[in-house]
Amino acid sequence: MGLRSRLGVLALVAWVSLPAHADALRCGGGTVEEGDSRVSLLQKCGRPQLQDSFCAPVFQNKSLVPVPEPFASNAVPCQQIDDWIYDRGPGSLMATVRIRAGTVQSIRIQRQPR
């Protein structure tokens, strides 16, 4: 393998090993990223077009098995999760923002325009 090929392979390996960038949501009032507060999201992007809330199970003692019902409801609280969907208009990509404990946990951008 020549020097040029080795450098190419090395560059490819370095590029692949870089951490992926999280999605950000650009709105009229600014950009929202993971870790921003719910208030910041509302200020920058306004109210979502759709909103869904659910109670995620809490895992106890670092196990991967959630506490079963009916014990979970009585003994172990769940954590409120909100999914907010922003439809940014024709030709734009829809975004789903997941909020946990008042903080933006993730932003998923739909990969195809509606």
PDB file of N, CA and C in Angstrom:
ATOM      1  N   MET A   1       0.862  -1.168   0.000  1.00  0.00           N
ATOM      2  CA  MET A   1       0.000   0.000   0.000  1.00  0.00           C
ATOM      3  C   MET A   1       0.908   1.229   0.000  1.00  0.00           C
ATOM      4  N   GLY A   2       0.631   2.160  -0.897  1.00  0.00           N
ATOM      5  CA  GLY A   2       1.457   3.348  -1.011  1.00  0.00           C
ATOM      6  C   GLY A   2       1.153   4.367   0.077  1.00  0.00           C
ATOM      7  N   LEU A   3       1.995   5.372   0.143  1.00  0.00           N
ATOM      8  CA  LEU A   3       1.844   6.420   1.155  1.00  0.00           C
ATOM      9  C   LEU A   3       0.516   7.150   1.001  1.00  0.00           C
ATOM     10  N   ARG A   4       0.141   7.440  -0.218  1.00  0.00           N
ATOM     11  CA  ARG A   4      -1.113   8.155  -0.473  1.00  0.00           C
ATOM     12  C   ARG A   4      -2.315   7.326  -0.012  1.00  0.00           C
ATOM     13  N   SER A   5      -2.297   6.038  -0.270  1.00  0.00           N
ATOM     14  CA  SER A   5      -3.388   5.154   0.160  1.00  0.00           C
ATOM     15  C   SER A   5      -3.460   5.070   1.678  1.00  0.00           C
ATOM     16  N   ARG A   6      -2.303   4.976   2.318  1.00  0.00           N
ATOM     17  CA  ARG A   6      -2.275   4.907   3.783  1.00  0.00           C
ATOM     18  C   ARG A   6      -2.831   6.183   4.407  1.00  0.00           C
ATOM     19  N   LEU A   7      -2.440   7.326   3.846  1.00  0.00           N
ATOM     20  CA  LEU A   7      -2.959   8.595   4.358  1.00  0.00           C
ATOM     21  C   LEU A   7      -4.470   8.690   4.158  1.00  0.00           C
ATOM     22  N   GLY A   8      -4.948   8.197   3.023  1.00  0.00           N
ATOM     23  CA  GLY A   8      -6.389   8.204   2.764  1.00  0.00           C
ATOM     24  C   GLY A   8      -7.147   7.344   3.762  1.00  0.00           C
ATOM     25  N   VAL A   9      -6.633   6.157   4.031  1.00  0.00           N
ATOM     26  CA  VAL A   9      -7.271   5.260   4.995  1.00  0.00           C
ATOM     27  C   VAL A   9      -7.224   5.873   6.387  1.00  0.00           C
ATOM     28  N   LEU A  10      -6.094   6.457   6.757  1.00  0.00           N
ATOM     29  CA  LEU A  10      -5.958   7.093   8.062  1.00  0.00           C
ATOM     30  C   LEU A  10      -6.944   8.257   8.209  1.00  0.00           C
ATOM     31  N   ALA A  11      -7.082   9.068   7.169  1.00  0.00           N
ATOM     32  CA  ALA A  11      -8.029  10.190   7.213  1.00  0.00           C
ATOM     33  C   ALA A  11      -9.463   9.681   7.345  1.00  0.00           C
ATOM     34  N   LEU A  12      -9.799   8.610   6.635  1.00  0.00           N
ATOM     35  CA  LEU A  12     -11.146   8.044   6.712  1.00  0.00           C
ATOM     36  C   LEU A  12     -11.431   7.507   8.112  1.00  0.00           C
ATOM     37  N   VAL A  13     -10.481   6.806   8.699  1.00  0.00           N
ATOM     38  CA  VAL A  13     -10.662   6.268  10.051  1.00  0.00           C
ATOM     39  C   VAL A  13     -10.824   7.403  11.054  1.00  0.00           C
ATOM     40  N   ALA A  14     -10.027   8.458  10.912  1.00  0.00           N
ATOM     41  CA  ALA A  14     -10.138   9.603  11.826  1.00  0.00           C
ATOM     42  C   ALA A  14     -11.497  10.274  11.686  1.00  0.00           C
ATOM     43  N   TRP A  15     -11.986  10.425  10.462  1.00  0.00           N
ATOM     44  CA  TRP A  15     -13.274  11.079  10.231  1.00  0.00           C
ATOM     45  C   TRP A  15     -14.419  10.249  10.801  1.00  0.00           C
ATOM     46  N   VAL A  16     -14.379   8.935  10.603  1.00  0.00           N
ATOM     47  CA  VAL A  16     -15.443   8.059  11.092  1.00  0.00           C
ATOM     48  C   VAL A  16     -15.471   8.031  12.614  1.00  0.00           C
ATOM     49  N   SER A  17     -14.325   8.171  13.257  1.00  0.00           N
ATOM     50  CA  SER A  17     -14.281   8.077  14.715  1.00  0.00           C
ATOM     51  C   SER A  17     -14.690   9.369  15.413  1.00  0.00           C
ATOM     52  N   LEU A  18     -14.890  10.453  14.675  1.00  0.00           N
ATOM     53  CA  LEU A  18     -15.334  11.700  15.298  1.00  0.00           C
ATOM     54  C   LEU A  18     -16.746  11.541  15.834  1.00  0.00           C
ATOM     55  N   PRO A  19     -17.069  12.188  16.957  1.00  0.00           N
ATOM     56  CA  PRO A  19     -18.427  12.084  17.484  1.00  0.00           C
ATOM     57  C   PRO A  19     -19.421  12.764  16.553  1.00  0.00           C
ATOM     58  N   ALA A  20     -20.602  12.185  16.469  1.00  0.00           N
ATOM     59  CA  ALA A  20     -21.645  12.765  15.627  1.00  0.00           C
ATOM     60  C   ALA A  20     -22.198  14.014  16.295  1.00  0.00           C
ATOM     61  N   HIS A  21     -22.530  14.993  15.493  1.00  0.00           N
ATOM     62  CA  HIS A  21     -23.115  16.213  16.032  1.00  0.00           C
ATOM     63  C   HIS A  21     -24.606  16.008  16.239  1.00  0.00           C
ATOM     64  N   ALA A  22     -25.098  16.487  17.341  1.00  0.00           N
ATOM     65  CA  ALA A  22     -26.528  16.395  17.621  1.00  0.00           C
ATOM     66  C   ALA A  22     -27.271  17.380  16.730  1.00  0.00           C
ATOM     67  N   ASP A  23     -28.507  17.050  16.421  1.00  0.00           N
ATOM     68  CA  ASP A  23     -29.326  17.956  15.635  1.00  0.00           C
ATOM     69  C   ASP A  23     -29.633  19.195  16.451  1.00  0.00           C
ATOM     70  N   ALA A  24     -29.751  20.302  15.761  1.00  0.00           N
ATOM     71  CA  ALA A  24     -30.174  21.551  16.381  1.00  0.00           C
ATOM     72  C   ALA A  24     -31.409  22.021  15.628  1.00  0.00           C
ATOM     73  N   LEU A  25     -32.235  22.776  16.288  1.00  0.00           N
ATOM     74  CA  LEU A  25     -33.467  23.281  15.692  1.00  0.00           C
ATOM     75  C   LEU A  25     -33.338  24.787  15.535  1.00  0.00           C
ATOM     76  N   ARG A  26     -33.391  25.242  14.282  1.00  0.00           N
ATOM     77  CA  ARG A  26     -33.329  26.680  14.023  1.00  0.00           C
ATOM     78  C   ARG A  26     -34.742  27.213  13.884  1.00  0.00           C
ATOM     79  N   CYS A  27     -35.017  28.257  14.639  1.00  0.00           N
ATOM     80  CA  CYS A  27     -36.329  28.901  14.607  1.00  0.00           C
ATOM     81  C   CYS A  27     -36.123  30.396  14.389  1.00  0.00           C
ATOM     82  N   GLY A  28     -37.219  31.120  14.263  1.00  0.00           N
ATOM     83  CA  GLY A  28     -37.138  32.561  14.059  1.00  0.00           C
ATOM     84  C   GLY A  28     -36.431  33.288  15.180  1.00  0.00           C
ATOM     85  N   GLY A  29     -36.528  32.759  16.404  1.00  0.00           N
ATOM     86  CA  GLY A  29     -35.932  33.423  17.555  1.00  0.00           C
ATOM     87  C   GLY A  29     -34.535  32.948  17.904  1.00  0.00           C
ATOM     88  N   GLY A  30     -33.980  32.002  17.161  1.00  0.00           N
ATOM     89  CA  GLY A  30     -32.636  31.504  17.458  1.00  0.00           C
ATOM     90  C   GLY A  30     -32.534  30.007  17.244  1.00  0.00           C
ATOM     91  N   THR A  31     -31.478  29.430  17.771  1.00  0.00           N
ATOM     92  CA  THR A  31     -31.205  28.006  17.617  1.00  0.00           C
ATOM     93  C   THR A  31     -31.347  27.305  18.966  1.00  0.00           C
ATOM     94  N   VAL A  32     -32.023  26.160  18.945  1.00  0.00           N
ATOM     95  CA  VAL A  32     -32.214  25.346  20.149  1.00  0.00           C
ATOM     96  C   VAL A  32     -31.359  24.097  20.008  1.00  0.00           C
ATOM     97  N   GLU A  33     -30.657  23.739  21.083  1.00  0.00           N
ATOM     98  CA  GLU A  33     -29.814  22.549  21.096  1.00  0.00           C
ATOM     99  C   GLU A  33     -30.128  21.706  22.329  1.00  0.00           C
ATOM    100  N   GLU A  34     -29.627  20.476  22.326  1.00  0.00           N
ATOM    101  CA  GLU A  34     -29.787  19.618  23.496  1.00  0.00           C
ATOM    102  C   GLU A  34     -29.201  20.317  24.712  1.00  0.00           C
ATOM    103  N   GLY A  35     -29.905  20.209  25.839  1.00  0.00           N
ATOM    104  CA  GLY A  35     -29.454  20.841  27.070  1.00  0.00           C
ATOM    105  C   GLY A  35     -30.115  22.183  27.330  1.00  0.00           C
ATOM    106  N   ASP A  36     -30.752  22.770  26.302  1.00  0.00           N
ATOM    107  CA  ASP A  36     -31.468  24.033  26.502  1.00  0.00           C
ATOM    108  C   ASP A  36     -32.719  23.784  27.336  1.00  0.00           C
ATOM    109  N   SER A  37     -33.209  24.816  27.978  1.00  0.00           N
ATOM    110  CA  SER A  37     -34.396  24.674  28.820  1.00  0.00           C
ATOM    111  C   SER A  37     -35.674  24.743  27.986  1.00  0.00           C
ATOM    112  N   ARG A  38     -36.753  24.265  28.580  1.00  0.00           N
ATOM    113  CA  ARG A  38     -38.071  24.338  27.946  1.00  0.00           C
ATOM    114  C   ARG A  38     -38.448  25.796  27.683  1.00  0.00           C
ATOM    115  N   VAL A  39     -38.121  26.680  28.620  1.00  0.00           N
ATOM    116  CA  VAL A  39     -38.432  28.104  28.468  1.00  0.00           C
ATOM    117  C   VAL A  39     -37.685  28.688  27.271  1.00  0.00           C
ATOM    118  N   SER A  40     -36.424  28.319  27.119  1.00  0.00           N
ATOM    119  CA  SER A  40     -35.630  28.786  25.982  1.00  0.00           C
ATOM    120  C   SER A  40     -36.235  28.298  24.669  1.00  0.00           C
ATOM    121  N   LEU A  41     -36.675  27.042  24.639  1.00  0.00           N
ATOM    122  CA  LEU A  41     -37.329  26.487  23.454  1.00  0.00           C
ATOM    123  C   LEU A  41     -38.587  27.277  23.116  1.00  0.00           C
ATOM    124  N   LEU A  42     -39.407  27.570  24.116  1.00  0.00           N
ATOM    125  CA  LEU A  42     -40.627  28.345  23.880  1.00  0.00           C
ATOM    126  C   LEU A  42     -40.317  29.754  23.391  1.00  0.00           C
ATOM    127  N   GLN A  43     -39.298  30.389  23.949  1.00  0.00           N
ATOM    128  CA  GLN A  43     -38.930  31.736  23.523  1.00  0.00           C
ATOM    129  C   GLN A  43     -38.447  31.759  22.083  1.00  0.00           C
ATOM    130  N   LYS A  44     -37.656  30.775  21.703  1.00  0.00           N
ATOM    131  CA  LYS A  44     -37.046  30.780  20.377  1.00  0.00           C
ATOM    132  C   LYS A  44     -37.959  30.241  19.289  1.00  0.00           C
ATOM    133  N   CYS A  45     -38.778  29.236  19.613  1.00  0.00           N
ATOM    134  CA  CYS A  45     -39.565  28.550  18.585  1.00  0.00           C
ATOM    135  C   CYS A  45     -41.072  28.676  18.766  1.00  0.00           C
ATOM    136  N   GLY A  46     -41.517  29.177  19.897  1.00  0.00           N
ATOM    137  CA  GLY A  46     -42.949  29.282  20.134  1.00  0.00           C
ATOM    138  C   GLY A  46     -43.548  27.947  20.538  1.00  0.00           C
ATOM    139  N   ARG A  47     -44.866  27.907  20.550  1.00  0.00           N
ATOM    140  CA  ARG A  47     -45.570  26.680  20.931  1.00  0.00           C
ATOM    141  C   ARG A  47     -45.514  25.661  19.792  1.00  0.00           C
ATOM    142  N   PRO A  48     -45.444  24.370  20.137  1.00  0.00           N
ATOM    143  CA  PRO A  48     -45.398  23.337  19.095  1.00  0.00           C
ATOM    144  C   PRO A  48     -46.768  23.142  18.447  1.00  0.00           C
ATOM    145  N   GLN A  49     -46.753  22.577  17.242  1.00  0.00           N
ATOM    146  CA  GLN A  49     -48.015  22.254  16.571  1.00  0.00           C
ATOM    147  C   GLN A  49     -48.682  21.049  17.223  1.00  0.00           C
ATOM    148  N   LEU A  50     -47.895  20.109  17.688  1.00  0.00           N
ATOM    149  CA  LEU A  50     -48.405  18.908  18.361  1.00  0.00           C
ATOM    150  C   LEU A  50     -47.582  18.666  19.614  1.00  0.00           C
ATOM    151  N   GLN A  51     -48.242  18.114  20.620  1.00  0.00           N
ATOM    152  CA  GLN A  51     -47.559  17.862  21.887  1.00  0.00           C
ATOM    153  C   GLN A  51     -48.071  16.545  22.459  1.00  0.00           C
ATOM    154  N   ASP A  52     -47.154  15.716  22.943  1.00  0.00           N
ATOM    155  CA  ASP A  52     -47.527  14.449  23.562  1.00  0.00           C
ATOM    156  C   ASP A  52     -46.725  14.296  24.848  1.00  0.00           C
ATOM    157  N   SER A  53     -47.359  13.756  25.866  1.00  0.00           N
ATOM    158  CA  SER A  53     -46.690  13.536  27.148  1.00  0.00           C
ATOM    159  C   SER A  53     -46.912  12.098  27.588  1.00  0.00           C
ATOM    160  N   PHE A  54     -45.909  11.534  28.209  1.00  0.00           N
ATOM    161  CA  PHE A  54     -46.054  10.204  28.790  1.00  0.00           C
ATOM    162  C   PHE A  54     -45.126  10.095  29.987  1.00  0.00           C
ATOM    163  N   CYS A  55     -45.369   9.084  30.773  1.00  0.00           N
ATOM    164  CA  CYS A  55     -44.594   8.882  31.984  1.00  0.00           C
ATOM    165  C   CYS A  55     -43.645   7.701  31.744  1.00  0.00           C
ATOM    166  N   ALA A  56     -42.357   7.975  31.652  1.00  0.00           N
ATOM    167  CA  ALA A  56     -41.366   6.934  31.394  1.00  0.00           C
ATOM    168  C   ALA A  56     -41.053   6.193  32.687  1.00  0.00           C
ATOM    169  N   PRO A  57     -40.888   4.876  32.608  1.00  0.00           N
ATOM    170  CA  PRO A  57     -40.585   4.123  33.823  1.00  0.00           C
ATOM    171  C   PRO A  57     -39.217   4.494  34.374  1.00  0.00           C
ATOM    172  N   VAL A  58     -39.115   4.407  35.668  1.00  0.00           N
ATOM    173  CA  VAL A  58     -37.845   4.654  36.341  1.00  0.00           C
ATOM    174  C   VAL A  58     -37.225   3.297  36.639  1.00  0.00           C
ATOM    175  N   PHE A  59     -35.968   3.138  36.276  1.00  0.00           N
ATOM    176  CA  PHE A  59     -35.277   1.883  36.534  1.00  0.00           C
ATOM    177  C   PHE A  59     -34.596   1.976  37.889  1.00  0.00           C
ATOM    178  N   GLN A  60     -34.733   0.903  38.665  1.00  0.00           N
ATOM    179  CA  GLN A  60     -34.217   0.918  40.026  1.00  0.00           C
ATOM    180  C   GLN A  60     -32.944   0.089  40.117  1.00  0.00           C
ATOM    181  N   ASN A  61     -32.001   0.558  40.905  1.00  0.00           N
ATOM    182  CA  ASN A  61     -30.734  -0.137  41.162  1.00  0.00           C
ATOM    183  C   ASN A  61     -29.954  -0.420  39.885  1.00  0.00           C
ATOM    184  N   LYS A  62     -30.036   0.473  38.927  1.00  0.00           N
ATOM    185  CA  LYS A  62     -29.284   0.395  37.672  1.00  0.00           C
ATOM    186  C   LYS A  62     -29.575  -0.881  36.890  1.00  0.00           C
ATOM    187  N   SER A  63     -30.728  -1.481  37.098  1.00  0.00           N
ATOM    188  CA  SER A  63     -31.078  -2.670  36.328  1.00  0.00           C
ATOM    189  C   SER A  63     -31.755  -2.233  35.039  1.00  0.00           C
ATOM    190  N   LEU A  64     -31.805  -3.127  34.080  1.00  0.00           N
ATOM    191  CA  LEU A  64     -32.460  -2.830  32.814  1.00  0.00           C
ATOM    192  C   LEU A  64     -33.925  -3.238  32.823  1.00  0.00           C
ATOM    193  N   VAL A  65     -34.393  -3.744  33.947  1.00  0.00           N
ATOM    194  CA  VAL A  65     -35.776  -4.194  34.059  1.00  0.00           C
ATOM    195  C   VAL A  65     -36.552  -3.165  34.877  1.00  0.00           C
ATOM    196  N   PRO A  66     -37.594  -2.577  34.284  1.00  0.00           N
ATOM    197  CA  PRO A  66     -38.373  -1.615  35.062  1.00  0.00           C
ATOM    198  C   PRO A  66     -39.158  -2.315  36.162  1.00  0.00           C
ATOM    199  N   VAL A  67     -39.504  -1.571  37.168  1.00  0.00           N
ATOM    200  CA  VAL A  67     -40.313  -2.104  38.257  1.00  0.00           C
ATOM    201  C   VAL A  67     -41.702  -2.404  37.699  1.00  0.00           C
ATOM    202  N   PRO A  68     -42.230  -3.637  37.889  1.00  0.00           N
ATOM    203  CA  PRO A  68     -43.523  -3.998  37.304  1.00  0.00           C
ATOM    204  C   PRO A  68     -44.696  -3.339  38.026  1.00  0.00           C
ATOM    205  N   GLU A  69     -45.812  -3.235  37.305  1.00  0.00           N
ATOM    206  CA  GLU A  69     -47.058  -2.758  37.912  1.00  0.00           C
ATOM    207  C   GLU A  69     -47.576  -3.848  38.841  1.00  0.00           C
ATOM    208  N   PRO A  70     -48.302  -3.582  39.879  1.00  0.00           N
ATOM    209  CA  PRO A  70     -48.768  -2.288  40.371  1.00  0.00           C
ATOM    210  C   PRO A  70     -47.760  -1.594  41.269  1.00  0.00           C
ATOM    211  N   PHE A  71     -46.592  -2.222  41.488  1.00  0.00           N
ATOM    212  CA  PHE A  71     -45.605  -1.644  42.393  1.00  0.00           C
ATOM    213  C   PHE A  71     -45.010  -0.353  41.843  1.00  0.00           C
ATOM    214  N   ALA A  72     -44.879  -0.274  40.539  1.00  0.00           N
ATOM    215  CA  ALA A  72     -44.250   0.902  39.938  1.00  0.00           C
ATOM    216  C   ALA A  72     -45.039   2.167  40.240  1.00  0.00           C
ATOM    217  N   SER A  73     -46.349   2.084  40.146  1.00  0.00           N
ATOM    218  CA  SER A  73     -47.179   3.267  40.380  1.00  0.00           C
ATOM    219  C   SER A  73     -47.122   3.720  41.827  1.00  0.00           C
ATOM    220  N   ASN A  74     -47.039   2.764  42.737  1.00  0.00           N
ATOM    221  CA  ASN A  74     -47.081   3.100  44.155  1.00  0.00           C
ATOM    222  C   ASN A  74     -45.709   3.375  44.757  1.00  0.00           C
ATOM    223  N   ALA A  75     -44.708   2.609  44.365  1.00  0.00           N
ATOM    224  CA  ALA A  75     -43.416   2.696  45.037  1.00  0.00           C
ATOM    225  C   ALA A  75     -42.390   3.538  44.287  1.00  0.00           C
ATOM    226  N   VAL A  76     -42.373   3.424  42.974  1.00  0.00           N
ATOM    227  CA  VAL A  76     -41.350   4.104  42.187  1.00  0.00           C
ATOM    228  C   VAL A  76     -42.034   5.070  41.229  1.00  0.00           C
ATOM    229  N   PRO A  77     -41.734   6.332  41.336  1.00  0.00           N
ATOM    230  CA  PRO A  77     -42.380   7.291  40.440  1.00  0.00           C
ATOM    231  C   PRO A  77     -41.847   7.162  39.020  1.00  0.00           C
ATOM    232  N   CYS A  78     -42.622   7.659  38.096  1.00  0.00           N
ATOM    233  CA  CYS A  78     -42.161   7.718  36.715  1.00  0.00           C
ATOM    234  C   CYS A  78     -41.697   9.148  36.428  1.00  0.00           C
ATOM    235  N   GLN A  79     -41.051   9.316  35.303  1.00  0.00           N
ATOM    236  CA  GLN A  79     -40.558  10.642  34.950  1.00  0.00           C
ATOM    237  C   GLN A  79     -41.313  11.152  33.729  1.00  0.00           C
ATOM    238  N   GLN A  80     -41.817  12.373  33.836  1.00  0.00           N
ATOM    239  CA  GLN A  80     -42.606  12.980  32.773  1.00  0.00           C
ATOM    240  C   GLN A  80     -41.716  13.293  31.564  1.00  0.00           C
ATOM    241  N   ILE A  81     -42.148  12.827  30.392  1.00  0.00           N
ATOM    242  CA  ILE A  81     -41.455  13.087  29.132  1.00  0.00           C
ATOM    243  C   ILE A  81     -42.443  13.788  28.210  1.00  0.00           C
ATOM    244  N   ASP A  82     -41.991  14.843  27.553  1.00  0.00           N
ATOM    245  CA  ASP A  82     -42.819  15.559  26.585  1.00  0.00           C
ATOM    246  C   ASP A  82     -42.158  15.473  25.223  1.00  0.00           C
ATOM    247  N   ASP A  83     -42.948  15.152  24.203  1.00  0.00           N
ATOM    248  CA  ASP A  83     -42.500  15.223  22.815  1.00  0.00           C
ATOM    249  C   ASP A  83     -43.243  16.367  22.155  1.00  0.00           C
ATOM    250  N   TRP A  84     -42.505  17.342  21.643  1.00  0.00           N
ATOM    251  CA  TRP A  84     -43.093  18.483  20.953  1.00  0.00           C
ATOM    252  C   TRP A  84     -42.721  18.382  19.483  1.00  0.00           C
ATOM    253  N   ILE A  85     -43.716  18.524  18.619  1.00  0.00           N
ATOM    254  CA  ILE A  85     -43.487  18.440  17.181  1.00  0.00           C
ATOM    255  C   ILE A  85     -43.665  19.816  16.571  1.00  0.00           C
ATOM    256  N   TYR A  86     -42.645  20.239  15.843  1.00  0.00           N
ATOM    257  CA  TYR A  86     -42.668  21.521  15.145  1.00  0.00           C
ATOM    258  C   TYR A  86     -42.753  21.261  13.647  1.00  0.00           C
ATOM    259  N   ASP A  87     -43.824  21.750  13.031  1.00  0.00           N
ATOM    260  CA  ASP A  87     -43.998  21.691  11.584  1.00  0.00           C
ATOM    261  C   ASP A  87     -43.612  23.066  11.059  1.00  0.00           C
ATOM    262  N   ARG A  88     -42.503  23.139  10.362  1.00  0.00           N
ATOM    263  CA  ARG A  88     -41.961  24.433   9.973  1.00  0.00           C
ATOM    264  C   ARG A  88     -42.386  24.878   8.582  1.00  0.00           C
ATOM    265  N   GLY A  89     -43.464  24.289   8.081  1.00  0.00           N
ATOM    266  CA  GLY A  89     -44.029  24.757   6.824  1.00  0.00           C
ATOM    267  C   GLY A  89     -43.663  23.883   5.637  1.00  0.00           C
ATOM    268  N   PRO A  90     -44.323  24.146   4.489  1.00  0.00           N
ATOM    269  CA  PRO A  90     -44.082  23.359   3.277  1.00  0.00           C
ATOM    270  C   PRO A  90     -42.616  23.433   2.842  1.00  0.00           C
ATOM    271  N   GLY A  91     -42.077  22.286   2.457  1.00  0.00           N
ATOM    272  CA  GLY A  91     -40.697  22.228   1.999  1.00  0.00           C
ATOM    273  C   GLY A  91     -39.679  22.169   3.120  1.00  0.00           C
ATOM    274  N   SER A  92     -40.118  22.299   4.358  1.00  0.00           N
ATOM    275  CA  SER A  92     -39.208  22.242   5.504  1.00  0.00           C
ATOM    276  C   SER A  92     -39.328  20.893   6.193  1.00  0.00           C
ATOM    277  N   LEU A  93     -38.334  20.553   6.964  1.00  0.00           N
ATOM    278  CA  LEU A  93     -38.329  19.290   7.691  1.00  0.00           C
ATOM    279  C   LEU A  93     -39.002  19.460   9.046  1.00  0.00           C
ATOM    280  N   MET A  94     -39.841  18.488   9.402  1.00  0.00           N
ATOM    281  CA  MET A  94     -40.480  18.516  10.715  1.00  0.00           C
ATOM    282  C   MET A  94     -39.462  18.104  11.770  1.00  0.00           C
ATOM    283  N   ALA A  95     -39.648  18.610  12.985  1.00  0.00           N
ATOM    284  CA  ALA A  95     -38.721  18.311  14.076  1.00  0.00           C
ATOM    285  C   ALA A  95     -39.499  17.840  15.292  1.00  0.00           C
ATOM    286  N   THR A  96     -38.977  16.819  15.963  1.00  0.00           N
ATOM    287  CA  THR A  96     -39.532  16.342  17.225  1.00  0.00           C
ATOM    288  C   THR A  96     -38.518  16.629  18.317  1.00  0.00           C
ATOM    289  N   VAL A  97     -38.949  17.395  19.312  1.00  0.00           N
ATOM    290  CA  VAL A  97     -38.084  17.764  20.429  1.00  0.00           C
ATOM    291  C   VAL A  97     -38.566  16.998  21.655  1.00  0.00           C
ATOM    292  N   ARG A  98     -37.676  16.229  22.267  1.00  0.00           N
ATOM    293  CA  ARG A  98     -38.012  15.481  23.484  1.00  0.00           C
ATOM    294  C   ARG A  98     -37.493  16.261  24.688  1.00  0.00           C
ATOM    295  N   ILE A  99     -38.400  16.487  25.647  1.00  0.00           N
ATOM    296  CA  ILE A  99     -38.077  17.254  26.849  1.00  0.00           C
ATOM    297  C   ILE A  99     -38.213  16.337  28.053  1.00  0.00           C
ATOM    298  N   ARG A 100     -37.167  16.294  28.860  1.00  0.00           N
ATOM    299  CA  ARG A 100     -37.170  15.485  30.081  1.00  0.00           C
ATOM    300  C   ARG A 100     -36.689  16.379  31.221  1.00  0.00           C
ATOM    301  N   ALA A 101     -37.473  16.434  32.276  1.00  0.00           N
ATOM    302  CA  ALA A 101     -37.139  17.238  33.456  1.00  0.00           C
ATOM    303  C   ALA A 101     -36.898  18.700  33.094  1.00  0.00           C
ATOM    304  N   GLY A 102     -37.697  19.221  32.150  1.00  0.00           N
ATOM    305  CA  GLY A 102     -37.611  20.631  31.794  1.00  0.00           C
ATOM    306  C   GLY A 102     -36.451  21.003  30.898  1.00  0.00           C
ATOM    307  N   THR A 103     -35.745  19.998  30.373  1.00  0.00           N
ATOM    308  CA  THR A 103     -34.568  20.239  29.541  1.00  0.00           C
ATOM    309  C   THR A 103     -34.705  19.481  28.228  1.00  0.00           C
ATOM    310  N   VAL A 104     -34.262  20.094  27.134  1.00  0.00           N
ATOM    311  CA  VAL A 104     -34.285  19.431  25.831  1.00  0.00           C
ATOM    312  C   VAL A 104     -33.311  18.260  25.884  1.00  0.00           C
ATOM    313  N   GLN A 105     -33.857  17.057  25.741  1.00  0.00           N
ATOM    314  CA  GLN A 105     -33.041  15.847  25.804  1.00  0.00           C
ATOM    315  C   GLN A 105     -32.549  15.458  24.414  1.00  0.00           C
ATOM    316  N   SER A 106     -33.422  15.583  23.400  1.00  0.00           N
ATOM    317  CA  SER A 106     -33.017  15.227  22.043  1.00  0.00           C
ATOM    318  C   SER A 106     -33.847  16.007  21.038  1.00  0.00           C
ATOM    319  N   ILE A 107     -33.273  16.159  19.855  1.00  0.00           N
ATOM    320  CA  ILE A 107     -33.954  16.801  18.731  1.00  0.00           C
ATOM    321  C   ILE A 107     -33.796  15.863  17.548  1.00  0.00           C
ATOM    322  N   ARG A 108     -34.917  15.427  16.994  1.00  0.00           N
ATOM    323  CA  ARG A 108     -34.897  14.561  15.814  1.00  0.00           C
ATOM    324  C   ARG A 108     -35.510  15.325  14.655  1.00  0.00           C
ATOM    325  N   ILE A 109     -34.755  15.459  13.587  1.00  0.00           N
ATOM    326  CA  ILE A 109     -35.228  16.138  12.390  1.00  0.00           C
ATOM    327  C   ILE A 109     -35.642  15.071  11.390  1.00  0.00           C
ATOM    328  N   GLN A 110     -36.867  15.178  10.878  1.00  0.00           N
ATOM    329  CA  GLN A 110     -37.331  14.249   9.852  1.00  0.00           C
ATOM    330  C   GLN A 110     -36.440  14.426   8.636  1.00  0.00           C
ATOM    331  N   ARG A 111     -36.064  13.367   8.000  1.00  0.00           N
ATOM    332  CA  ARG A 111     -35.086  13.428   6.918  1.00  0.00           C
ATOM    333  C   ARG A 111     -35.682  13.718   5.544  1.00  0.00           C
ATOM    334  N   GLN A 112     -36.992  13.808   5.434  1.00  0.00           N
ATOM    335  CA  GLN A 112     -37.618  14.132   4.155  1.00  0.00           C
ATOM    336  C   GLN A 112     -38.608  15.259   4.363  1.00  0.00           C
ATOM    337  N   PRO A 113     -38.663  16.226   3.420  1.00  0.00           N
ATOM    338  CA  PRO A 113     -39.665  17.290   3.561  1.00  0.00           C
ATOM    339  C   PRO A 113     -41.064  16.720   3.445  1.00  0.00           C
ATOM    340  N   ARG A 114     -41.996  17.382   4.071  1.00  0.00           N
ATOM    341  CA  ARG A 114     -43.378  16.881   4.013  1.00  0.00           C
ATOM    342  C   ARG A 114     -44.029  17.239   2.711  1.00  0.00           C
TER     343      ARG A 114
END
